[in-house]
Amino acid sequence: MQARRHSRQHIICLAALLSLAIASANAGVDKITVQDDTQHTVTLPRPAHRIISLAPHVTELLFAAGAGPYVIGVSAYSDYPPVVKQLPSVGDSNALDAERIIALKPDLVVAWNSGNSASQLATLRAIGIPVFESEPHDFAAIASSLERLSILAGTENIGKPAAAAFRARLAILGKTYQKHPKVRVFYQIWQKPLMTLNDHHLVSSVIRLCGGENIFGKLSQLAPTVSTEAVLQANPEVIFAADSKQPADGDSGGWRRFPALTAVMRNNLFALTPDQMSRPGPRILDGATELCQKLDVARARRK
């Protein structure tokens, strides 16, 4: 009990010192203001040069926006670009290390709205740490995130061209693939239980971009559990496996035991790089390119 009380007092002292430092730095400087993905206004006295990322996709966005040199701490599982593995970890989305975050004296924390604890983020705000909440649901929000994060970090000379390049590459992919003949797709994110994604998820936007159709897109849950029988009845032409334990041949669901399934008959069981597709950051277009190319392979096998 005494040790716990001492830990709380230590956090309070660190927070007080940080608040004083932020307050003294704020005097007489033009402020920087942007809106985050929850429509909250984030205001900084000057560009952030001590940034903590609380999610892997956030880390990727920050580095792509030119803010990498100013990132001083990251969440567990942040592994791209590889240099981030050398940075201090501040815990994962379920258990952030508040004491370590405060000790690092950040002038900005970039959080994951649906992944980080609202109460923990409120605590950070209460002690004067600015928090930007990230939740890009579509391609436009990814490009906008690059711009807004670069404004906060003072790296607009990198972030704005990065956003423009993202939009240009997206347009090329759409022009190249979107009007190709439709391909019915089952996108598997987990084997046991068997799980997929609906049309509200960014992954389905990638599938549509490539001229595909998600066979479970109309389900109400964002990440629904489905049965093997439902997949067999829908009879997809392509099955993508994007879970972390997938075999090289993409058959993490054991689909080859159903030879009458169109995806099996035509050998259209494909593995994808999970992080590129699951993280709403600039590398999603690398994942999209891979998925688009595999759908073209499936189209060629119709002959």
C-alpha atoms as a PDB file:
ATOM      1  CA  MET A   1       0.000   0.000   0.000  1.00  0.00           C
ATOM      2  CA  GLN A   2       2.804   2.388   0.953  1.00  0.00           C
ATOM      3  CA  ALA A   3       4.674   1.610  -2.275  1.00  0.00           C
ATOM      4  CA  ARG A   4       1.533   2.262  -4.310  1.00  0.00           C
ATOM      5  CA  ARG A   5       0.997   5.607  -2.525  1.00  0.00           C
ATOM      6  CA  HIS A   6       4.616   6.536  -3.201  1.00  0.00           C
ATOM      7  CA  SER A   7       4.179   5.699  -6.907  1.00  0.00           C
ATOM      8  CA  ARG A   8       1.073   7.899  -7.151  1.00  0.00           C
ATOM      9  CA  GLN A   9       2.861  10.765  -5.416  1.00  0.00           C
ATOM     10  CA  HIS A  10       5.786  10.373  -7.805  1.00  0.00           C
ATOM     11  CA  ILE A  11       3.453  10.608 -10.810  1.00  0.00           C
ATOM     12  CA  ILE A  12       1.779  13.717  -9.349  1.00  0.00           C
ATOM     13  CA  CYS A  13       5.151  15.400  -8.814  1.00  0.00           C
ATOM     14  CA  LEU A  14       6.279  14.578 -12.339  1.00  0.00           C
ATOM     15  CA  ALA A  15       2.982  15.865 -13.723  1.00  0.00           C
ATOM     16  CA  ALA A  16       3.295  19.128 -11.792  1.00  0.00           C
ATOM     17  CA  LEU A  17       6.805  19.712 -13.101  1.00  0.00           C
ATOM     18  CA  LEU A  18       5.696  18.942 -16.651  1.00  0.00           C
ATOM     19  CA  SER A  19       2.733  21.320 -16.390  1.00  0.00           C
ATOM     20  CA  LEU A  20       5.021  24.114 -15.183  1.00  0.00           C
ATOM     21  CA  ALA A  21       7.424  23.475 -18.039  1.00  0.00           C
ATOM     22  CA  ILE A  22       4.611  23.563 -20.604  1.00  0.00           C
ATOM     23  CA  ALA A  23       3.125  26.720 -19.093  1.00  0.00           C
ATOM     24  CA  SER A  24       6.443  28.580 -19.142  1.00  0.00           C
ATOM     25  CA  ALA A  25       7.060  27.529 -22.737  1.00  0.00           C
ATOM     26  CA  ASN A  26       3.664  28.802 -23.836  1.00  0.00           C
ATOM     27  CA  ALA A  27       4.258  32.467 -23.091  1.00  0.00           C
ATOM     28  CA  GLY A  28       4.215  34.905 -25.991  1.00  0.00           C
ATOM     29  CA  VAL A  29       4.297  32.433 -28.874  1.00  0.00           C
ATOM     30  CA  ASP A  30       1.893  32.067 -31.820  1.00  0.00           C
ATOM     31  CA  LYS A  31      -0.183  28.948 -31.334  1.00  0.00           C
ATOM     32  CA  ILE A  32      -0.648  25.993 -33.684  1.00  0.00           C
ATOM     33  CA  THR A  33      -4.174  24.584 -33.926  1.00  0.00           C
ATOM     34  CA  VAL A  34      -5.561  21.516 -35.732  1.00  0.00           C
ATOM     35  CA  GLN A  35      -8.536  19.212 -35.305  1.00  0.00           C
ATOM     36  CA  ASP A  36      -7.971  15.556 -34.556  1.00  0.00           C
ATOM     37  CA  ASP A  37     -10.046  12.641 -35.882  1.00  0.00           C
ATOM     38  CA  THR A  38     -12.591  13.027 -33.076  1.00  0.00           C
ATOM     39  CA  GLN A  39     -13.105  16.702 -33.982  1.00  0.00           C
ATOM     40  CA  HIS A  40     -11.337  17.860 -30.825  1.00  0.00           C
ATOM     41  CA  THR A  41      -9.136  20.910 -31.221  1.00  0.00           C
ATOM     42  CA  VAL A  42      -5.461  20.387 -30.416  1.00  0.00           C
ATOM     43  CA  THR A  43      -3.495  23.547 -29.670  1.00  0.00           C
ATOM     44  CA  LEU A  44       0.274  23.804 -29.266  1.00  0.00           C
ATOM     45  CA  PRO A  45       2.398  26.847 -28.429  1.00  0.00           C
ATOM     46  CA  ARG A  46       5.039  25.801 -30.948  1.00  0.00           C
ATOM     47  CA  PRO A  47       5.850  22.740 -33.099  1.00  0.00           C
ATOM     48  CA  ALA A  48       6.014  19.539 -31.052  1.00  0.00           C
ATOM     49  CA  HIS A  49       9.533  18.163 -30.737  1.00  0.00           C
ATOM     50  CA  ARG A  50       8.926  15.570 -28.002  1.00  0.00           C
ATOM     51  CA  ILE A  51       6.210  13.311 -29.379  1.00  0.00           C
ATOM     52  CA  ILE A  52       4.933  10.007 -28.013  1.00  0.00           C
ATOM     53  CA  SER A  53       2.988   7.584 -30.228  1.00  0.00           C
ATOM     54  CA  LEU A  54       0.440   5.264 -28.633  1.00  0.00           C
ATOM     55  CA  ALA A  55      -0.263   2.977 -31.624  1.00  0.00           C
ATOM     56  CA  PRO A  56       1.700   1.305 -34.438  1.00  0.00           C
ATOM     57  CA  HIS A  57      -0.259   3.063 -37.208  1.00  0.00           C
ATOM     58  CA  VAL A  58       0.337   6.404 -35.471  1.00  0.00           C
ATOM     59  CA  THR A  59       4.079   5.746 -35.412  1.00  0.00           C
ATOM     60  CA  GLU A  60       4.047   5.082 -39.158  1.00  0.00           C
ATOM     61  CA  LEU A  61       2.027   8.243 -39.828  1.00  0.00           C
ATOM     62  CA  LEU A  62       4.386  10.383 -37.751  1.00  0.00           C
ATOM     63  CA  PHE A  63       7.478   9.133 -39.549  1.00  0.00           C
ATOM     64  CA  ALA A  64       5.850   9.531 -42.967  1.00  0.00           C
ATOM     65  CA  ALA A  65       4.867  13.090 -41.997  1.00  0.00           C
ATOM     66  CA  GLY A  66       8.493  13.939 -41.255  1.00  0.00           C
ATOM     67  CA  ALA A  67       8.090  13.932 -37.476  1.00  0.00           C
ATOM     68  CA  GLY A  68      10.243  10.844 -36.911  1.00  0.00           C
ATOM     69  CA  PRO A  69      13.224  12.750 -35.445  1.00  0.00           C
ATOM     70  CA  TYR A  70      10.920  14.128 -32.759  1.00  0.00           C
ATOM     71  CA  VAL A  71       9.362  10.824 -31.656  1.00  0.00           C
ATOM     72  CA  ILE A  72      10.741   9.997 -28.190  1.00  0.00           C
ATOM     73  CA  GLY A  73       8.535   7.039 -27.228  1.00  0.00           C
ATOM     74  CA  VAL A  74       6.228   4.512 -28.872  1.00  0.00           C
ATOM     75  CA  SER A  75       3.662   1.894 -27.987  1.00  0.00           C
ATOM     76  CA  ALA A  76       4.420  -1.798 -27.884  1.00  0.00           C
ATOM     77  CA  TYR A  77       4.164  -3.468 -31.323  1.00  0.00           C
ATOM     78  CA  SER A  78       5.353  -0.325 -33.106  1.00  0.00           C
ATOM     79  CA  ASP A  79       7.919  -1.858 -35.449  1.00  0.00           C
ATOM     80  CA  TYR A  80       7.982   0.302 -38.577  1.00  0.00           C
ATOM     81  CA  PRO A  81      10.138   1.945 -39.668  1.00  0.00           C
ATOM     82  CA  PRO A  82      12.713  -0.381 -38.052  1.00  0.00           C
ATOM     83  CA  VAL A  83      14.443   2.475 -36.217  1.00  0.00           C
ATOM     84  CA  VAL A  84      11.479   2.732 -33.815  1.00  0.00           C
ATOM     85  CA  LYS A  85      12.540  -0.537 -32.172  1.00  0.00           C
ATOM     86  CA  GLN A  86      15.313   1.470 -30.501  1.00  0.00           C
ATOM     87  CA  LEU A  87      12.871   3.916 -28.870  1.00  0.00           C
ATOM     88  CA  PRO A  88      11.476   3.577 -25.330  1.00  0.00           C
ATOM     89  CA  SER A  89       8.207   1.650 -25.064  1.00  0.00           C
ATOM     90  CA  VAL A  90       5.381   3.231 -23.076  1.00  0.00           C
ATOM     91  CA  GLY A  91       3.204   0.103 -22.913  1.00  0.00           C
ATOM     92  CA  ASP A  92       0.437  -1.205 -25.115  1.00  0.00           C
ATOM     93  CA  SER A  93      -3.111  -0.017 -25.737  1.00  0.00           C
ATOM     94  CA  ASN A  94      -4.423  -1.985 -22.756  1.00  0.00           C
ATOM     95  CA  ALA A  95      -1.792  -0.890 -20.261  1.00  0.00           C
ATOM     96  CA  LEU A  96      -0.041   2.411 -20.867  1.00  0.00           C
ATOM     97  CA  ASP A  97       2.814   3.294 -18.533  1.00  0.00           C
ATOM     98  CA  ALA A  98       1.620   6.731 -17.377  1.00  0.00           C
ATOM     99  CA  GLU A  99       4.650   7.303 -15.159  1.00  0.00           C
ATOM    100  CA  ARG A 100       7.040   6.668 -18.019  1.00  0.00           C
ATOM    101  CA  ILE A 101       5.034   8.860 -20.401  1.00  0.00           C
ATOM    102  CA  ILE A 102       5.173  11.759 -17.945  1.00  0.00           C
ATOM    103  CA  ALA A 103       8.877  11.194 -17.218  1.00  0.00           C
ATOM    104  CA  LEU A 104       9.660  11.525 -20.939  1.00  0.00           C
ATOM    105  CA  LYS A 105       8.195  15.070 -20.821  1.00  0.00           C
ATOM    106  CA  PRO A 106       6.270  14.951 -24.104  1.00  0.00           C
ATOM    107  CA  ASP A 107       4.889  18.103 -25.666  1.00  0.00           C
ATOM    108  CA  LEU A 108       2.437  15.988 -27.718  1.00  0.00           C
ATOM    109  CA  VAL A 109       0.903  12.534 -27.385  1.00  0.00           C
ATOM    110  CA  VAL A 110      -0.703  11.026 -30.485  1.00  0.00           C
ATOM    111  CA  ALA A 111      -3.206   8.375 -29.419  1.00  0.00           C
ATOM    112  CA  TRP A 112      -5.475   5.797 -31.027  1.00  0.00           C
ATOM    113  CA  ASN A 113      -9.090   6.759 -30.367  1.00  0.00           C
ATOM    114  CA  SER A 114     -10.589   3.258 -30.456  1.00  0.00           C
ATOM    115  CA  GLY A 115      -7.537   1.501 -29.033  1.00  0.00           C
ATOM    116  CA  ASN A 116      -6.400   3.579 -26.059  1.00  0.00           C
ATOM    117  CA  SER A 117      -8.244   4.001 -22.782  1.00  0.00           C
ATOM    118  CA  ALA A 118     -10.349   7.172 -22.719  1.00  0.00           C
ATOM    119  CA  SER A 119      -9.690   7.574 -18.995  1.00  0.00           C
ATOM    120  CA  GLN A 120      -5.924   7.367 -19.485  1.00  0.00           C
ATOM    121  CA  LEU A 121      -6.060   9.957 -22.256  1.00  0.00           C
ATOM    122  CA  ALA A 122      -8.185  12.187 -20.013  1.00  0.00           C
ATOM    123  CA  THR A 123      -5.525  11.878 -17.304  1.00  0.00           C
ATOM    124  CA  LEU A 124      -2.820  13.007 -19.724  1.00  0.00           C
ATOM    125  CA  ARG A 125      -4.912  15.988 -20.784  1.00  0.00           C
ATOM    126  CA  ALA A 126      -5.678  16.869 -17.168  1.00  0.00           C
ATOM    127  CA  ILE A 127      -1.978  17.345 -16.415  1.00  0.00           C
ATOM    128  CA  GLY A 128      -1.481  19.562 -19.439  1.00  0.00           C
ATOM    129  CA  ILE A 129      -0.203  17.149 -22.094  1.00  0.00           C
ATOM    130  CA  PRO A 130      -1.780  17.865 -25.503  1.00  0.00           C
ATOM    131  CA  VAL A 131      -3.366  14.731 -27.007  1.00  0.00           C
ATOM    132  CA  PHE A 132      -4.211  14.210 -30.689  1.00  0.00           C
ATOM    133  CA  GLU A 133      -6.553  11.237 -31.228  1.00  0.00           C
ATOM    134  CA  SER A 134      -6.061   9.346 -34.488  1.00  0.00           C
ATOM    135  CA  GLU A 135      -8.756   7.203 -36.137  1.00  0.00           C
ATOM    136  CA  PRO A 136      -8.440   7.249 -39.950  1.00  0.00           C
ATOM    137  CA  HIS A 137     -11.464   5.412 -41.358  1.00  0.00           C
ATOM    138  CA  ASP A 138     -10.764   6.049 -45.044  1.00  0.00           C
ATOM    139  CA  PHE A 139      -8.061   6.987 -47.523  1.00  0.00           C
ATOM    140  CA  ALA A 140      -8.860  10.701 -47.284  1.00  0.00           C
ATOM    141  CA  ALA A 141      -8.324  10.644 -43.521  1.00  0.00           C
ATOM    142  CA  ILE A 142      -4.894   9.030 -43.928  1.00  0.00           C
ATOM    143  CA  ALA A 143      -3.752  11.802 -46.272  1.00  0.00           C
ATOM    144  CA  SER A 144      -5.258  14.435 -43.981  1.00  0.00           C
ATOM    145  CA  SER A 145      -3.495  12.865 -40.983  1.00  0.00           C
ATOM    146  CA  LEU A 146      -0.145  13.272 -42.709  1.00  0.00           C
ATOM    147  CA  GLU A 147      -0.876  16.966 -43.214  1.00  0.00           C
ATOM    148  CA  ARG A 148      -2.217  17.652 -39.722  1.00  0.00           C
ATOM    149  CA  LEU A 149       0.549  15.776 -37.920  1.00  0.00           C
ATOM    150  CA  SER A 150       3.147  17.623 -39.970  1.00  0.00           C
ATOM    151  CA  ILE A 151       1.559  20.932 -38.935  1.00  0.00           C
ATOM    152  CA  LEU A 152       1.836  19.931 -35.273  1.00  0.00           C
ATOM    153  CA  ALA A 153       5.471  18.887 -35.714  1.00  0.00           C
ATOM    154  CA  GLY A 154       6.475  21.794 -37.943  1.00  0.00           C
ATOM    155  CA  THR A 155       7.370  19.420 -40.779  1.00  0.00           C
ATOM    156  CA  GLU A 156       4.854  20.581 -43.380  1.00  0.00           C
ATOM    157  CA  ASN A 157       7.607  20.610 -46.002  1.00  0.00           C
ATOM    158  CA  ILE A 158       7.595  16.805 -45.695  1.00  0.00           C
ATOM    159  CA  GLY A 159       4.050  15.982 -44.598  1.00  0.00           C
ATOM    160  CA  LYS A 160       2.183  17.919 -47.264  1.00  0.00           C
ATOM    161  CA  PRO A 161       4.139  16.411 -50.201  1.00  0.00           C
ATOM    162  CA  ALA A 162       3.717  12.983 -48.563  1.00  0.00           C
ATOM    163  CA  ALA A 163      -0.050  13.509 -48.461  1.00  0.00           C
ATOM    164  CA  ALA A 164      -0.077  14.658 -52.088  1.00  0.00           C
ATOM    165  CA  ALA A 165       1.959  11.611 -53.134  1.00  0.00           C
ATOM    166  CA  PHE A 166      -0.444   9.340 -51.243  1.00  0.00           C
ATOM    167  CA  ARG A 167      -3.451  10.867 -53.032  1.00  0.00           C
ATOM    168  CA  ALA A 168      -1.740  10.625 -56.418  1.00  0.00           C
ATOM    169  CA  ARG A 169      -0.809   6.979 -55.917  1.00  0.00           C
ATOM    170  CA  LEU A 170      -4.345   6.203 -54.727  1.00  0.00           C
ATOM    171  CA  ALA A 171      -5.781   7.807 -57.860  1.00  0.00           C
ATOM    172  CA  ILE A 172      -3.485   5.741 -60.095  1.00  0.00           C
ATOM    173  CA  LEU A 173      -4.517   2.510 -58.373  1.00  0.00           C
ATOM    174  CA  GLY A 174      -8.187   3.395 -58.747  1.00  0.00           C
ATOM    175  CA  LYS A 175      -7.790   4.298 -62.413  1.00  0.00           C
ATOM    176  CA  THR A 176      -5.859   1.090 -63.073  1.00  0.00           C
ATOM    177  CA  TYR A 177      -8.054  -1.449 -61.290  1.00  0.00           C
ATOM    178  CA  GLN A 178     -11.442  -0.094 -60.251  1.00  0.00           C
ATOM    179  CA  LYS A 179     -13.211  -0.795 -63.551  1.00  0.00           C
ATOM    180  CA  HIS A 180     -11.843  -4.311 -63.938  1.00  0.00           C
ATOM    181  CA  PRO A 181     -14.404  -7.143 -63.747  1.00  0.00           C
ATOM    182  CA  LYS A 182     -15.658  -7.667 -60.208  1.00  0.00           C
ATOM    183  CA  VAL A 183     -14.132 -10.452 -58.107  1.00  0.00           C
ATOM    184  CA  ARG A 184     -16.000 -11.822 -55.077  1.00  0.00           C
ATOM    185  CA  VAL A 185     -13.654 -11.908 -52.089  1.00  0.00           C
ATOM    186  CA  PHE A 186     -13.559 -13.485 -48.646  1.00  0.00           C
ATOM    187  CA  TYR A 187     -11.087 -11.601 -46.453  1.00  0.00           C
ATOM    188  CA  GLN A 188     -10.061 -13.719 -43.459  1.00  0.00           C
ATOM    189  CA  ILE A 189      -8.472 -11.926 -40.504  1.00  0.00           C
ATOM    190  CA  TRP A 190      -8.596 -14.800 -38.010  1.00  0.00           C
ATOM    191  CA  GLN A 191      -8.989 -18.572 -38.148  1.00  0.00           C
ATOM    192  CA  LYS A 192     -10.414 -19.613 -34.768  1.00  0.00           C
ATOM    193  CA  PRO A 193     -12.958 -18.165 -34.545  1.00  0.00           C
ATOM    194  CA  LEU A 194     -13.309 -17.487 -38.249  1.00  0.00           C
ATOM    195  CA  MET A 195     -13.471 -13.700 -38.615  1.00  0.00           C
ATOM    196  CA  THR A 196     -13.725 -11.169 -41.405  1.00  0.00           C
ATOM    197  CA  LEU A 197     -14.441  -7.435 -41.907  1.00  0.00           C
ATOM    198  CA  ASN A 198     -17.491  -5.585 -43.189  1.00  0.00           C
ATOM    199  CA  ASP A 199     -17.756  -2.741 -45.703  1.00  0.00           C
ATOM    200  CA  HIS A 200     -17.230  -0.043 -43.079  1.00  0.00           C
ATOM    201  CA  HIS A 201     -13.638  -1.137 -42.539  1.00  0.00           C
ATOM    202  CA  LEU A 202     -10.811   0.444 -44.506  1.00  0.00           C
ATOM    203  CA  VAL A 203      -9.835  -2.994 -45.847  1.00  0.00           C
ATOM    204  CA  SER A 204     -13.105  -3.142 -47.784  1.00  0.00           C
ATOM    205  CA  SER A 205     -12.223   0.215 -49.335  1.00  0.00           C
ATOM    206  CA  VAL A 206      -9.029  -1.435 -50.581  1.00  0.00           C
ATOM    207  CA  ILE A 207     -11.019  -4.370 -51.962  1.00  0.00           C
ATOM    208  CA  ARG A 208     -13.362  -1.983 -53.818  1.00  0.00           C
ATOM    209  CA  LEU A 209     -10.404   0.068 -55.065  1.00  0.00           C
ATOM    210  CA  CYS A 210      -9.060  -3.091 -56.697  1.00  0.00           C
ATOM    211  CA  GLY A 211     -12.379  -4.037 -58.285  1.00  0.00           C
ATOM    212  CA  GLY A 212     -13.318  -6.604 -55.667  1.00  0.00           C
ATOM    213  CA  GLU A 213     -16.507  -7.248 -53.713  1.00  0.00           C
ATOM    214  CA  ASN A 214     -16.472  -8.291 -50.047  1.00  0.00           C
ATOM    215  CA  ILE A 215     -18.898 -11.214 -49.693  1.00  0.00           C
ATOM    216  CA  PHE A 216     -19.611 -10.274 -46.056  1.00  0.00           C
ATOM    217  CA  GLY A 217     -19.524  -6.528 -46.550  1.00  0.00           C
ATOM    218  CA  LYS A 218     -23.184  -6.017 -45.647  1.00  0.00           C
ATOM    219  CA  LEU A 219     -22.932  -7.551 -42.170  1.00  0.00           C
ATOM    220  CA  SER A 220     -23.554  -5.057 -39.367  1.00  0.00           C
ATOM    221  CA  GLN A 221     -20.515  -5.799 -37.198  1.00  0.00           C
ATOM    222  CA  LEU A 222     -17.204  -4.237 -38.176  1.00  0.00           C
ATOM    223  CA  ALA A 223     -15.320  -7.511 -37.548  1.00  0.00           C
ATOM    224  CA  PRO A 224     -17.953 -10.278 -37.562  1.00  0.00           C
ATOM    225  CA  THR A 225     -17.484 -13.945 -36.791  1.00  0.00           C
ATOM    226  CA  VAL A 226     -18.737 -16.134 -39.647  1.00  0.00           C
ATOM    227  CA  SER A 227     -19.181 -19.866 -40.140  1.00  0.00           C
ATOM    228  CA  THR A 228     -17.386 -22.124 -42.571  1.00  0.00           C
ATOM    229  CA  GLU A 229     -20.809 -23.006 -43.984  1.00  0.00           C
ATOM    230  CA  ALA A 230     -21.525 -19.331 -44.717  1.00  0.00           C
ATOM    231  CA  VAL A 231     -18.268 -19.036 -46.653  1.00  0.00           C
ATOM    232  CA  LEU A 232     -19.035 -22.196 -48.634  1.00  0.00           C
ATOM    233  CA  GLN A 233     -22.516 -20.933 -49.441  1.00  0.00           C
ATOM    234  CA  ALA A 234     -21.201 -17.541 -50.587  1.00  0.00           C
ATOM    235  CA  ASN A 235     -18.588 -19.383 -52.706  1.00  0.00           C
ATOM    236  CA  PRO A 236     -15.969 -16.626 -53.093  1.00  0.00           C
ATOM    237  CA  GLU A 237     -13.698 -16.576 -56.104  1.00  0.00           C
ATOM    238  CA  VAL A 238     -10.745 -15.427 -53.970  1.00  0.00           C
ATOM    239  CA  ILE A 239      -9.822 -15.963 -50.317  1.00  0.00           C
ATOM    240  CA  PHE A 240      -7.286 -13.648 -48.709  1.00  0.00           C
ATOM    241  CA  ALA A 241      -5.612 -14.627 -45.439  1.00  0.00           C
ATOM    242  CA  ALA A 242      -4.259 -11.676 -43.505  1.00  0.00           C
ATOM    243  CA  ASP A 243      -3.809 -13.115 -40.029  1.00  0.00           C
ATOM    244  CA  SER A 244      -0.404 -13.155 -38.373  1.00  0.00           C
ATOM    245  CA  LYS A 245      -0.054 -16.973 -38.384  1.00  0.00           C
ATOM    246  CA  GLN A 246      -0.871 -17.591 -42.020  1.00  0.00           C
ATOM    247  CA  PRO A 247       0.948 -20.298 -44.023  1.00  0.00           C
ATOM    248  CA  ALA A 248       2.786 -19.285 -47.160  1.00  0.00           C
ATOM    249  CA  ASP A 249       0.055 -20.678 -49.425  1.00  0.00           C
ATOM    250  CA  GLY A 250      -2.639 -18.500 -47.825  1.00  0.00           C
ATOM    251  CA  ASP A 251      -4.688 -21.492 -46.662  1.00  0.00           C
ATOM    252  CA  SER A 252      -4.875 -20.605 -42.978  1.00  0.00           C
ATOM    253  CA  GLY A 253      -8.518 -21.687 -42.935  1.00  0.00           C
ATOM    254  CA  GLY A 254      -7.864 -25.164 -44.305  1.00  0.00           C
ATOM    255  CA  TRP A 255      -9.966 -24.359 -47.373  1.00  0.00           C
ATOM    256  CA  ARG A 256      -8.288 -26.929 -49.610  1.00  0.00           C
ATOM    257  CA  ARG A 257     -10.385 -29.602 -47.962  1.00  0.00           C
ATOM    258  CA  PHE A 258     -13.319 -28.108 -49.932  1.00  0.00           C
ATOM    259  CA  PRO A 259     -12.289 -28.761 -53.568  1.00  0.00           C
ATOM    260  CA  ALA A 260     -15.650 -27.579 -54.939  1.00  0.00           C
ATOM    261  CA  LEU A 261     -15.051 -24.052 -53.603  1.00  0.00           C
ATOM    262  CA  THR A 262     -14.304 -21.742 -56.539  1.00  0.00           C
ATOM    263  CA  ALA A 263     -11.329 -20.143 -54.768  1.00  0.00           C
ATOM    264  CA  VAL A 264      -9.846 -23.612 -54.251  1.00  0.00           C
ATOM    265  CA  MET A 265     -10.610 -24.916 -57.748  1.00  0.00           C
ATOM    266  CA  ARG A 266      -8.792 -21.942 -59.275  1.00  0.00           C
ATOM    267  CA  ASN A 267      -5.991 -21.893 -56.704  1.00  0.00           C
ATOM    268  CA  ASN A 268      -6.966 -18.399 -55.563  1.00  0.00           C
ATOM    269  CA  LEU A 269      -5.908 -18.691 -51.920  1.00  0.00           C
ATOM    270  CA  PHE A 270      -3.595 -15.768 -51.251  1.00  0.00           C
ATOM    271  CA  ALA A 271      -1.563 -14.615 -48.250  1.00  0.00           C
ATOM    272  CA  LEU A 272      -1.188 -10.887 -47.606  1.00  0.00           C
ATOM    273  CA  THR A 273       1.194  -8.874 -45.448  1.00  0.00           C
ATOM    274  CA  PRO A 274      -1.005  -8.255 -42.370  1.00  0.00           C
ATOM    275  CA  ASP A 275       0.460  -4.988 -41.060  1.00  0.00           C
ATOM    276  CA  GLN A 276       0.244  -3.236 -44.405  1.00  0.00           C
ATOM    277  CA  MET A 277      -3.477  -3.922 -44.592  1.00  0.00           C
ATOM    278  CA  SER A 278      -4.480  -3.610 -40.944  1.00  0.00           C
ATOM    279  CA  ARG A 279      -2.722  -0.345 -40.092  1.00  0.00           C
ATOM    280  CA  PRO A 280      -4.421   2.801 -41.441  1.00  0.00           C
ATOM    281  CA  GLY A 281      -1.219   4.474 -42.571  1.00  0.00           C
ATOM    282  CA  PRO A 282       0.574   5.229 -45.833  1.00  0.00           C
ATOM    283  CA  ARG A 283       1.766   1.618 -46.286  1.00  0.00           C
ATOM    284  CA  ILE A 284      -1.828   0.557 -46.875  1.00  0.00           C
ATOM    285  CA  LEU A 285      -1.237   1.451 -50.524  1.00  0.00           C
ATOM    286  CA  ASP A 286       1.565  -1.136 -50.587  1.00  0.00           C
ATOM    287  CA  GLY A 287      -0.989  -3.641 -49.322  1.00  0.00           C
ATOM    288  CA  ALA A 288      -3.508  -2.383 -51.873  1.00  0.00           C
ATOM    289  CA  THR A 289      -1.031  -2.855 -54.710  1.00  0.00           C
ATOM    290  CA  GLU A 290      -0.407  -6.435 -53.580  1.00  0.00           C
ATOM    291  CA  LEU A 291      -4.139  -7.150 -53.293  1.00  0.00           C
ATOM    292  CA  CYS A 292      -4.927  -5.565 -56.672  1.00  0.00           C
ATOM    293  CA  GLN A 293      -2.264  -7.640 -58.388  1.00  0.00           C
ATOM    294  CA  LYS A 294      -3.587 -10.845 -56.843  1.00  0.00           C
ATOM    295  CA  LEU A 295      -7.124 -10.036 -58.000  1.00  0.00           C
ATOM    296  CA  ASP A 296      -5.761  -9.647 -61.521  1.00  0.00           C
ATOM    297  CA  VAL A 297      -4.179 -13.105 -61.175  1.00  0.00           C
ATOM    298  CA  ALA A 298      -7.608 -14.449 -60.212  1.00  0.00           C
ATOM    299  CA  ARG A 299      -9.213 -12.756 -63.224  1.00  0.00           C
ATOM    300  CA  ALA A 300      -6.645 -14.356 -65.516  1.00  0.00           C
ATOM    301  CA  ARG A 301      -7.500 -17.780 -64.098  1.00  0.00           C
ATOM    302  CA  ARG A 302     -11.094 -17.482 -65.291  1.00  0.00           C
ATOM    303  CA  LYS A 303      -9.976 -18.397 -68.785  1.00  0.00           C
END
